[in-house]
């Protein structure tokens, strides 16, 4: 048996965020809206026109912009308290993966009394939530269409809340919001989306025909657009393709979950605050090489679909080409990680059972160490 779920209401309009009042219709009866974002996105002014449109339409708007990368629990709890005090009727997550993940959990916490510590894991977040609208400003995480939120617990550990109650009520894809992204962020978030699609296609536990179709479609869009968007950040067609590709990949991996690439990437973010997309890009091709004995047929199907060859090795070569063309860092040293951190990172990666159980080949501690050493 296969099952598939996703956000039921997805709207695509370049420039749509400037007419935000049109996109909240039917979601907020009390006309009080809480926008969850970070100071970087707020400082760029990306949300200003949308706030003006909402206020002119009679909405009261509160902005919580304390979100940081790898959002810690205390920020999420602070935001949830602020949303409750404001009596918001709608939560809008506006930004990259961290603001959207934070908004998902805040909408849940503000909508019911379930304690955050009881929500970690799969299917454990229950109860009513506030209506949720998600608007991505990067083309990478796909968080806008997933039922997953990753938070930092303690100093460095990451935990996931995975539950259908985290699906947004509505999504707006506005490619204009991604026009100002620097090449480095465009590259790493785009490769992140490609990782989502590749891992969904090779996810041994819940791989299914719908996720396969979405993953292949995402990879076709991302492969054709990522280098164009990196070379010309104002190419709106490339930006739109990347945004749609990231969303399709999000739909795929929300149903056929990610695996060892993510498990090995998380310690880079948890211990050294390497951005999530870049962490995935760093470990991707070495994990694929490790997986080849068990995943060659699936990688080969992707390579054939993309027209880049017949085998898994051909797909790996193509991903190496894209990494080179987009100029993302390719070694741990480039992001400030030294050899003495490898055992600690490997131990942490091996705790990511939620991800490792989906990997095509069983990942071992020794293999993890070797992968990190290879990309040092």
Protein backbone atom coordinates (compact mmCIF):
# COMPACT_ATOMS: atom_id res chain seq x y z
CA UNK A 1 0.00 0.00 0.00
CA UNK A 2 1.16 3.56 -0.80
CA UNK A 3 -0.12 6.79 0.69
CA UNK A 4 0.56 10.39 -0.30
CA UNK A 5 -0.28 13.72 1.31
CA UNK A 6 0.59 17.33 0.62
CA UNK A 7 -0.66 20.90 1.06
CA UNK A 8 -4.07 21.21 -0.59
CA UNK A 9 -3.81 24.87 -1.65
CA UNK A 10 -0.68 26.01 -3.54
CA UNK A 11 -0.65 29.33 -5.40
CA UNK A 12 2.09 30.54 -7.75
CA UNK A 13 2.45 34.21 -8.67
CA UNK A 14 5.65 36.23 -9.15
CA UNK A 15 4.99 39.43 -7.21
CA UNK A 16 2.18 37.81 -5.21
CA UNK A 17 3.67 38.74 -1.84
CA UNK A 18 2.99 42.42 -2.57
CA UNK A 19 -0.73 41.54 -2.65
CA UNK A 20 -0.75 39.49 0.51
CA UNK A 21 -4.29 40.56 1.41
CA UNK A 22 -5.53 38.44 -1.53
CA UNK A 23 -3.72 35.36 -0.24
CA UNK A 24 -5.05 35.38 3.33
CA UNK A 25 -8.71 35.45 2.33
CA UNK A 26 -10.69 32.86 4.24
CA UNK A 27 -7.83 32.03 6.62
CA UNK A 28 -8.08 34.72 9.30
CA UNK A 29 -11.57 35.57 10.59
CA UNK A 30 -10.34 37.80 13.44
CA UNK A 31 -8.11 39.93 11.15
CA UNK A 32 -5.06 39.47 13.41
CA UNK A 33 -1.99 38.04 11.65
CA UNK A 34 1.39 37.01 13.07
CA UNK A 35 4.28 36.92 10.60
CA UNK A 36 7.23 34.72 11.59
CA UNK A 37 10.54 35.60 9.92
CA UNK A 38 14.18 36.45 10.63
CA UNK A 39 16.00 39.76 10.85
CA UNK A 40 17.87 39.16 7.58
CA UNK A 41 14.68 38.72 5.55
CA UNK A 42 13.00 41.58 7.44
CA UNK A 43 15.98 43.85 6.78
CA UNK A 44 15.78 43.20 3.04
CA UNK A 45 12.28 44.64 3.03
CA UNK A 46 10.81 41.62 1.26
CA UNK A 47 7.71 41.61 3.47
CA UNK A 48 7.10 45.39 3.65
CA UNK A 49 4.71 45.70 0.70
CA UNK A 50 2.78 42.66 1.91
CA UNK A 51 2.36 44.13 5.39
CA UNK A 52 1.15 47.41 3.89
CA UNK A 53 -1.37 45.56 1.74
CA UNK A 54 -2.66 43.67 4.79
CA UNK A 55 -2.95 46.80 6.94
CA UNK A 56 -4.73 48.69 4.17
CA UNK A 57 -7.21 45.79 4.01
CA UNK A 58 -7.94 46.16 7.73
CA UNK A 59 -5.69 43.49 9.25
CA UNK A 60 -3.65 43.94 12.42
CA UNK A 61 -0.15 42.57 11.84
CA UNK A 62 2.51 41.48 14.32
CA UNK A 63 6.01 40.55 13.13
CA UNK A 64 8.16 38.13 15.15
CA UNK A 65 11.62 38.31 13.56
CA UNK A 66 13.78 36.63 16.21
CA UNK A 67 14.16 33.39 14.22
CA UNK A 68 17.77 32.26 13.69
CA UNK A 69 19.28 29.42 11.65
CA UNK A 70 18.83 25.99 13.26
CA UNK A 71 16.07 27.48 15.45
CA UNK A 72 16.47 26.65 19.15
CA UNK A 73 13.52 25.66 21.30
CA UNK A 74 13.60 28.86 23.36
CA UNK A 75 13.06 31.03 20.25
CA UNK A 76 10.12 28.87 19.16
CA UNK A 77 8.54 29.03 22.63
CA UNK A 78 9.09 32.80 22.79
CA UNK A 79 7.39 33.19 19.42
CA UNK A 80 4.47 30.99 20.43
CA UNK A 81 3.94 33.08 23.57
CA UNK A 82 4.00 36.29 21.52
CA UNK A 83 1.47 34.88 19.04
CA UNK A 84 -0.86 33.83 21.88
CA UNK A 85 -0.63 37.23 23.58
CA UNK A 86 -1.36 38.96 20.26
CA UNK A 87 -4.35 36.61 19.77
CA UNK A 88 -3.39 35.89 16.17
CA UNK A 89 -5.92 34.15 13.96
CA UNK A 90 -3.35 33.28 11.28
CA UNK A 91 0.38 32.51 11.31
CA UNK A 92 2.46 33.35 8.23
CA UNK A 93 5.91 31.78 7.92
CA UNK A 94 8.00 34.01 5.64
CA UNK A 95 11.60 33.17 4.76
CA UNK A 96 13.83 30.15 4.35
CA UNK A 97 13.53 26.79 6.06
CA UNK A 98 14.16 28.07 9.59
CA UNK A 99 11.35 30.68 9.67
CA UNK A 100 8.94 28.26 8.00
CA UNK A 101 9.82 25.40 10.37
CA UNK A 102 9.47 27.78 13.31
CA UNK A 103 6.11 29.03 12.04
CA UNK A 104 4.79 25.47 11.74
CA UNK A 105 5.57 24.67 15.36
CA UNK A 106 4.38 28.07 16.60
CA UNK A 107 1.03 27.60 14.82
CA UNK A 108 0.73 24.24 16.59
CA UNK A 109 1.77 25.50 20.03
CA UNK A 110 -0.50 28.54 19.79
CA UNK A 111 -3.43 26.43 18.68
CA UNK A 112 -3.37 23.87 21.49
CA UNK A 113 -1.78 23.20 24.88
CA UNK A 114 0.51 20.31 23.89
CA UNK A 115 4.00 20.75 25.39
CA UNK A 116 6.78 21.04 22.81
CA UNK A 117 8.86 18.24 24.32
CA UNK A 118 6.04 15.75 23.64
CA UNK A 119 5.90 16.61 19.92
CA UNK A 120 9.31 15.28 18.78
CA UNK A 121 9.16 12.18 16.63
CA UNK A 122 6.72 10.94 14.00
CA UNK A 123 3.00 11.51 14.41
CA UNK A 124 3.19 12.77 18.00
CA UNK A 125 2.12 16.39 17.44
CA UNK A 126 -1.65 16.32 17.83
CA UNK A 127 -4.43 18.77 18.48
CA UNK A 128 -5.81 21.89 16.82
CA UNK A 129 -3.45 24.40 15.21
CA UNK A 130 -3.82 27.98 14.04
CA UNK A 131 -4.27 28.44 10.29
CA UNK A 132 -0.88 28.57 8.56
CA UNK A 133 0.31 30.26 5.34
CA UNK A 134 3.89 29.60 4.22
CA UNK A 135 5.86 31.79 1.79
CA UNK A 136 9.42 30.66 0.93
CA UNK A 137 12.13 33.17 0.04
CA UNK A 138 14.71 30.56 -0.99
CA UNK A 139 14.47 27.69 -3.47
CA UNK A 140 15.75 24.83 -1.39
CA UNK A 141 14.17 23.44 1.74
CA UNK A 142 10.71 22.71 0.37
CA UNK A 143 9.58 23.26 3.95
CA UNK A 144 6.46 25.03 2.69
CA UNK A 145 4.95 21.69 1.61
CA UNK A 146 6.39 19.31 4.20
CA UNK A 147 5.03 18.10 7.53
CA UNK A 148 8.50 18.34 9.12
CA UNK A 149 10.10 20.94 11.39
CA UNK A 150 13.68 20.63 12.61
CA UNK A 151 14.60 22.38 15.86
CA UNK A 152 17.79 22.59 17.91
CA UNK A 153 17.47 21.11 21.40
CA UNK A 154 20.13 21.85 24.00
CA UNK A 155 23.37 23.26 22.60
CA UNK A 156 23.74 21.32 19.35
CA UNK A 157 21.30 18.41 19.06
CA UNK A 158 18.63 18.57 16.37
CA UNK A 159 15.22 16.93 16.67
CA UNK A 160 12.37 16.69 14.23
CA UNK A 161 8.65 17.16 14.66
CA UNK A 162 6.97 15.14 11.92
CA UNK A 163 3.17 15.23 11.86
CA UNK A 164 0.39 15.91 9.40
CA UNK A 165 -0.81 18.75 11.62
CA UNK A 166 2.28 20.68 10.44
CA UNK A 167 1.09 20.87 6.83
CA UNK A 168 0.26 24.45 5.86
CA UNK A 169 -3.28 25.46 4.95
CA UNK A 170 -1.97 27.47 1.99
CA UNK A 171 1.33 28.12 0.21
CA UNK A 172 2.36 31.10 -1.92
CA UNK A 173 5.30 30.74 -4.31
CA UNK A 174 6.55 34.17 -5.38
CA UNK A 175 9.75 33.96 -7.44
CA UNK A 176 10.30 37.73 -7.13
CA UNK A 177 11.24 37.13 -3.49
CA UNK A 178 14.26 35.05 -4.59
CA UNK A 179 15.68 37.58 -7.08
CA UNK A 180 18.05 39.13 -4.53
CA UNK A 181 19.56 35.86 -3.29
CA UNK A 182 23.37 35.82 -3.53
CA UNK A 183 24.92 33.21 -5.82
CA UNK A 184 26.27 31.19 -2.86
CA UNK A 185 22.82 30.84 -1.27
CA UNK A 186 21.17 30.19 -4.65
CA UNK A 187 23.66 27.37 -5.25
CA UNK A 188 23.54 25.68 -1.84
CA UNK A 189 19.76 25.87 -1.45
CA UNK A 190 19.28 24.62 -5.02
CA UNK A 191 21.53 21.62 -4.41
CA UNK A 192 19.63 21.06 -1.15
CA UNK A 193 16.43 20.67 -3.20
CA UNK A 194 18.18 18.24 -5.55
CA UNK A 195 19.30 16.22 -2.52
CA UNK A 196 15.69 16.04 -1.33
CA UNK A 197 14.61 14.66 -4.69
CA UNK A 198 17.48 12.17 -4.99
CA UNK A 199 16.94 10.88 -1.46
CA UNK A 200 13.17 10.62 -1.95
CA UNK A 201 13.70 8.56 -5.11
CA UNK A 202 16.01 6.15 -3.26
CA UNK A 203 14.14 6.06 0.07
CA UNK A 204 13.76 2.34 0.74
CA UNK A 205 10.97 2.50 3.30
CA UNK A 206 8.26 4.71 1.80
CA UNK A 207 9.31 5.22 -1.85
CA UNK A 208 6.14 5.33 -3.95
CA UNK A 209 5.02 6.13 -7.52
CA UNK A 210 3.82 9.65 -6.72
CA UNK A 211 6.96 10.67 -4.84
CA UNK A 212 9.07 9.17 -7.66
CA UNK A 213 7.26 11.27 -10.27
CA UNK A 214 7.61 14.45 -8.22
CA UNK A 215 11.29 13.78 -7.50
CA UNK A 216 12.12 13.33 -11.18
CA UNK A 217 10.14 16.42 -12.14
CA UNK A 218 11.93 18.43 -9.43
CA UNK A 219 15.34 17.29 -10.65
CA UNK A 220 14.56 18.19 -14.25
CA UNK A 221 13.54 21.70 -13.23
CA UNK A 222 16.45 22.22 -10.83
CA UNK A 223 19.10 20.87 -13.21
CA UNK A 224 17.99 23.15 -16.03
CA UNK A 225 17.65 26.23 -13.80
CA UNK A 226 20.30 26.19 -11.08
CA UNK A 227 23.34 27.22 -13.13
CA UNK A 228 21.27 29.80 -15.04
CA UNK A 229 20.05 31.34 -11.77
CA UNK A 230 23.58 31.36 -10.36
CA UNK A 231 24.99 33.01 -13.50
CA UNK A 232 22.16 35.58 -13.75
CA UNK A 233 20.34 36.17 -10.49
CA UNK A 234 17.68 38.24 -12.28
CA UNK A 235 16.57 35.42 -14.61
CA UNK A 236 12.96 35.24 -13.39
CA UNK A 237 12.18 32.09 -15.41
CA UNK A 238 15.11 30.26 -13.82
CA UNK A 239 14.11 31.56 -10.39
CA UNK A 240 10.52 30.40 -10.88
CA UNK A 241 11.66 26.95 -12.05
CA UNK A 242 13.89 26.64 -9.01
CA UNK A 243 11.09 27.63 -6.64
CA UNK A 244 8.68 25.13 -8.22
CA UNK A 245 11.42 22.46 -8.33
CA UNK A 246 12.17 22.91 -4.62
CA UNK A 247 8.46 22.64 -3.85
CA UNK A 248 8.10 19.44 -5.91
CA UNK A 249 11.11 17.97 -4.10
CA UNK A 250 9.52 18.93 -0.79
CA UNK A 251 6.34 17.09 -1.74
CA UNK A 252 8.42 14.06 -2.67
CA UNK A 253 10.54 13.82 0.49
CA UNK A 254 7.63 14.64 2.78
CA UNK A 255 6.17 11.31 1.67
CA UNK A 256 9.36 9.31 0.94
CA UNK A 257 11.70 10.62 3.65
CA UNK A 258 15.35 11.64 3.36
CA UNK A 259 18.23 9.42 4.40
CA UNK A 260 21.98 9.35 5.03
CA UNK A 261 22.91 12.55 3.20
CA UNK A 262 20.80 14.46 5.71
CA UNK A 263 21.99 12.35 8.65
CA UNK A 264 25.62 13.19 7.85
CA UNK A 265 24.81 16.83 7.08
CA UNK A 266 23.06 17.62 10.37
CA UNK A 267 26.20 17.58 12.57
CA UNK A 268 27.78 20.22 10.32
CA UNK A 269 24.91 22.54 11.14
CA UNK A 270 24.47 21.45 14.73
CA UNK A 271 28.10 21.83 15.81
CA UNK A 272 29.46 24.39 13.33
CA UNK A 273 26.38 26.28 12.06
CA UNK A 274 27.10 25.44 8.44
CA UNK A 275 23.88 26.32 6.54
CA UNK A 276 21.71 23.27 5.92
CA UNK A 277 21.82 23.37 2.12
CA UNK A 278 25.59 23.72 2.08
CA UNK A 279 25.94 20.85 4.58
CA UNK A 280 23.96 18.61 2.23
CA UNK A 281 26.00 19.74 -0.78
CA UNK A 282 29.25 18.92 1.03
CA UNK A 283 28.38 15.30 1.84
CA UNK A 284 26.10 14.47 -1.10
CA UNK A 285 28.39 12.90 -3.67
CA UNK A 286 30.46 10.85 -1.22
CA UNK A 287 27.29 9.40 0.34
CA UNK A 288 26.05 8.59 -3.17
CA UNK A 289 29.32 6.78 -3.93
CA UNK A 290 28.89 4.76 -0.71
CA UNK A 291 25.28 3.94 -1.68
CA UNK A 292 26.14 2.83 -5.23
CA UNK A 293 26.23 -0.95 -4.51
CA UNK A 294 22.58 -0.79 -3.40
CA UNK A 295 21.23 2.27 -5.25
CA UNK A 296 22.93 2.12 -8.66
CA UNK A 297 19.71 1.13 -10.44
CA UNK A 298 17.76 4.05 -8.95
CA UNK A 299 20.55 6.55 -9.55
CA UNK A 300 20.79 5.19 -13.11
CA UNK A 301 17.05 5.78 -13.66
CA UNK A 302 17.51 9.39 -12.57
CA UNK A 303 20.53 9.80 -14.86
CA UNK A 304 18.52 8.44 -17.81
CA UNK A 305 15.56 10.71 -17.02
CA UNK A 306 17.88 13.74 -16.96
CA UNK A 307 19.65 12.63 -20.12
CA UNK A 308 23.08 12.61 -18.49
CA UNK A 309 23.91 8.90 -18.83
CA UNK A 310 22.79 5.41 -17.89
CA UNK A 311 24.38 4.61 -14.51
CA UNK A 312 24.64 5.83 -10.96
CA UNK A 313 28.21 6.93 -11.66
CA UNK A 314 26.87 9.20 -14.42
CA UNK A 315 24.49 10.87 -11.97
CA UNK A 316 27.31 11.39 -9.47
CA UNK A 317 29.40 12.97 -12.22
CA UNK A 318 26.51 15.30 -13.07
CA UNK A 319 26.13 16.40 -9.44
CA UNK A 320 29.88 17.02 -9.27
CA UNK A 321 29.56 19.13 -12.42
CA UNK A 322 26.75 21.18 -10.91
CA UNK A 323 28.71 21.68 -7.69
CA UNK A 324 31.69 22.92 -9.72
CA UNK A 325 29.58 25.15 -11.98
CA UNK A 326 27.84 26.81 -9.02
CA UNK A 327 31.10 27.13 -7.06
CA UNK A 328 29.83 25.75 -3.75
CA UNK A 329 32.51 24.78 -1.20
CA UNK A 330 33.48 21.12 -1.49
CA UNK A 331 35.60 20.48 1.64
CA UNK A 332 35.06 20.62 5.38
CA UNK A 333 38.19 22.74 5.70
CA UNK A 334 36.56 25.48 3.60
CA UNK A 335 33.76 25.80 6.17
CA UNK A 336 36.10 25.75 9.17
CA UNK A 337 35.79 22.11 10.25
CA UNK A 338 38.99 20.27 11.21
CA UNK A 339 39.88 16.57 11.33
CA UNK A 340 39.57 16.35 15.12
CA UNK A 341 35.82 17.06 14.84
CA UNK A 342 35.17 14.00 12.68
CA UNK A 343 34.64 11.38 15.43
CA UNK A 344 32.22 13.69 17.26
CA UNK A 345 30.28 14.38 14.05
CA UNK A 346 30.20 10.69 13.10
CA UNK A 347 28.81 9.74 16.51
CA UNK A 348 26.12 12.38 16.15
CA UNK A 349 25.23 11.30 12.61
CA UNK A 350 24.75 7.71 13.76
CA UNK A 351 21.98 8.85 16.16
CA UNK A 352 19.78 10.00 13.26
CA UNK A 353 17.76 6.78 13.09
CA UNK A 354 14.73 8.60 11.62
CA UNK A 355 16.86 9.25 8.51
CA UNK A 356 19.26 6.33 8.42
CA UNK A 357 16.42 3.80 8.31
CA UNK A 358 15.52 5.12 4.84
CA UNK A 359 19.00 4.80 3.33
CA UNK A 360 19.52 2.37 0.45
CA UNK A 361 22.65 0.92 2.10
CA UNK A 362 23.12 0.48 5.83
CA UNK A 363 25.33 3.31 7.08
CA UNK A 364 28.04 2.44 9.61
CA UNK A 365 30.15 4.55 11.95
CA UNK A 366 33.34 3.61 10.08
CA UNK A 367 31.80 4.52 6.73
CA UNK A 368 30.65 7.86 8.13
CA UNK A 369 34.15 8.64 9.38
CA UNK A 370 35.61 7.73 5.99
CA UNK A 371 33.14 9.97 4.16
CA UNK A 372 34.02 12.93 6.38
CA UNK A 373 37.75 12.21 5.94
CA UNK A 374 37.34 12.10 2.15
CA UNK A 375 35.78 15.58 2.04
CA UNK A 376 38.16 17.08 4.61
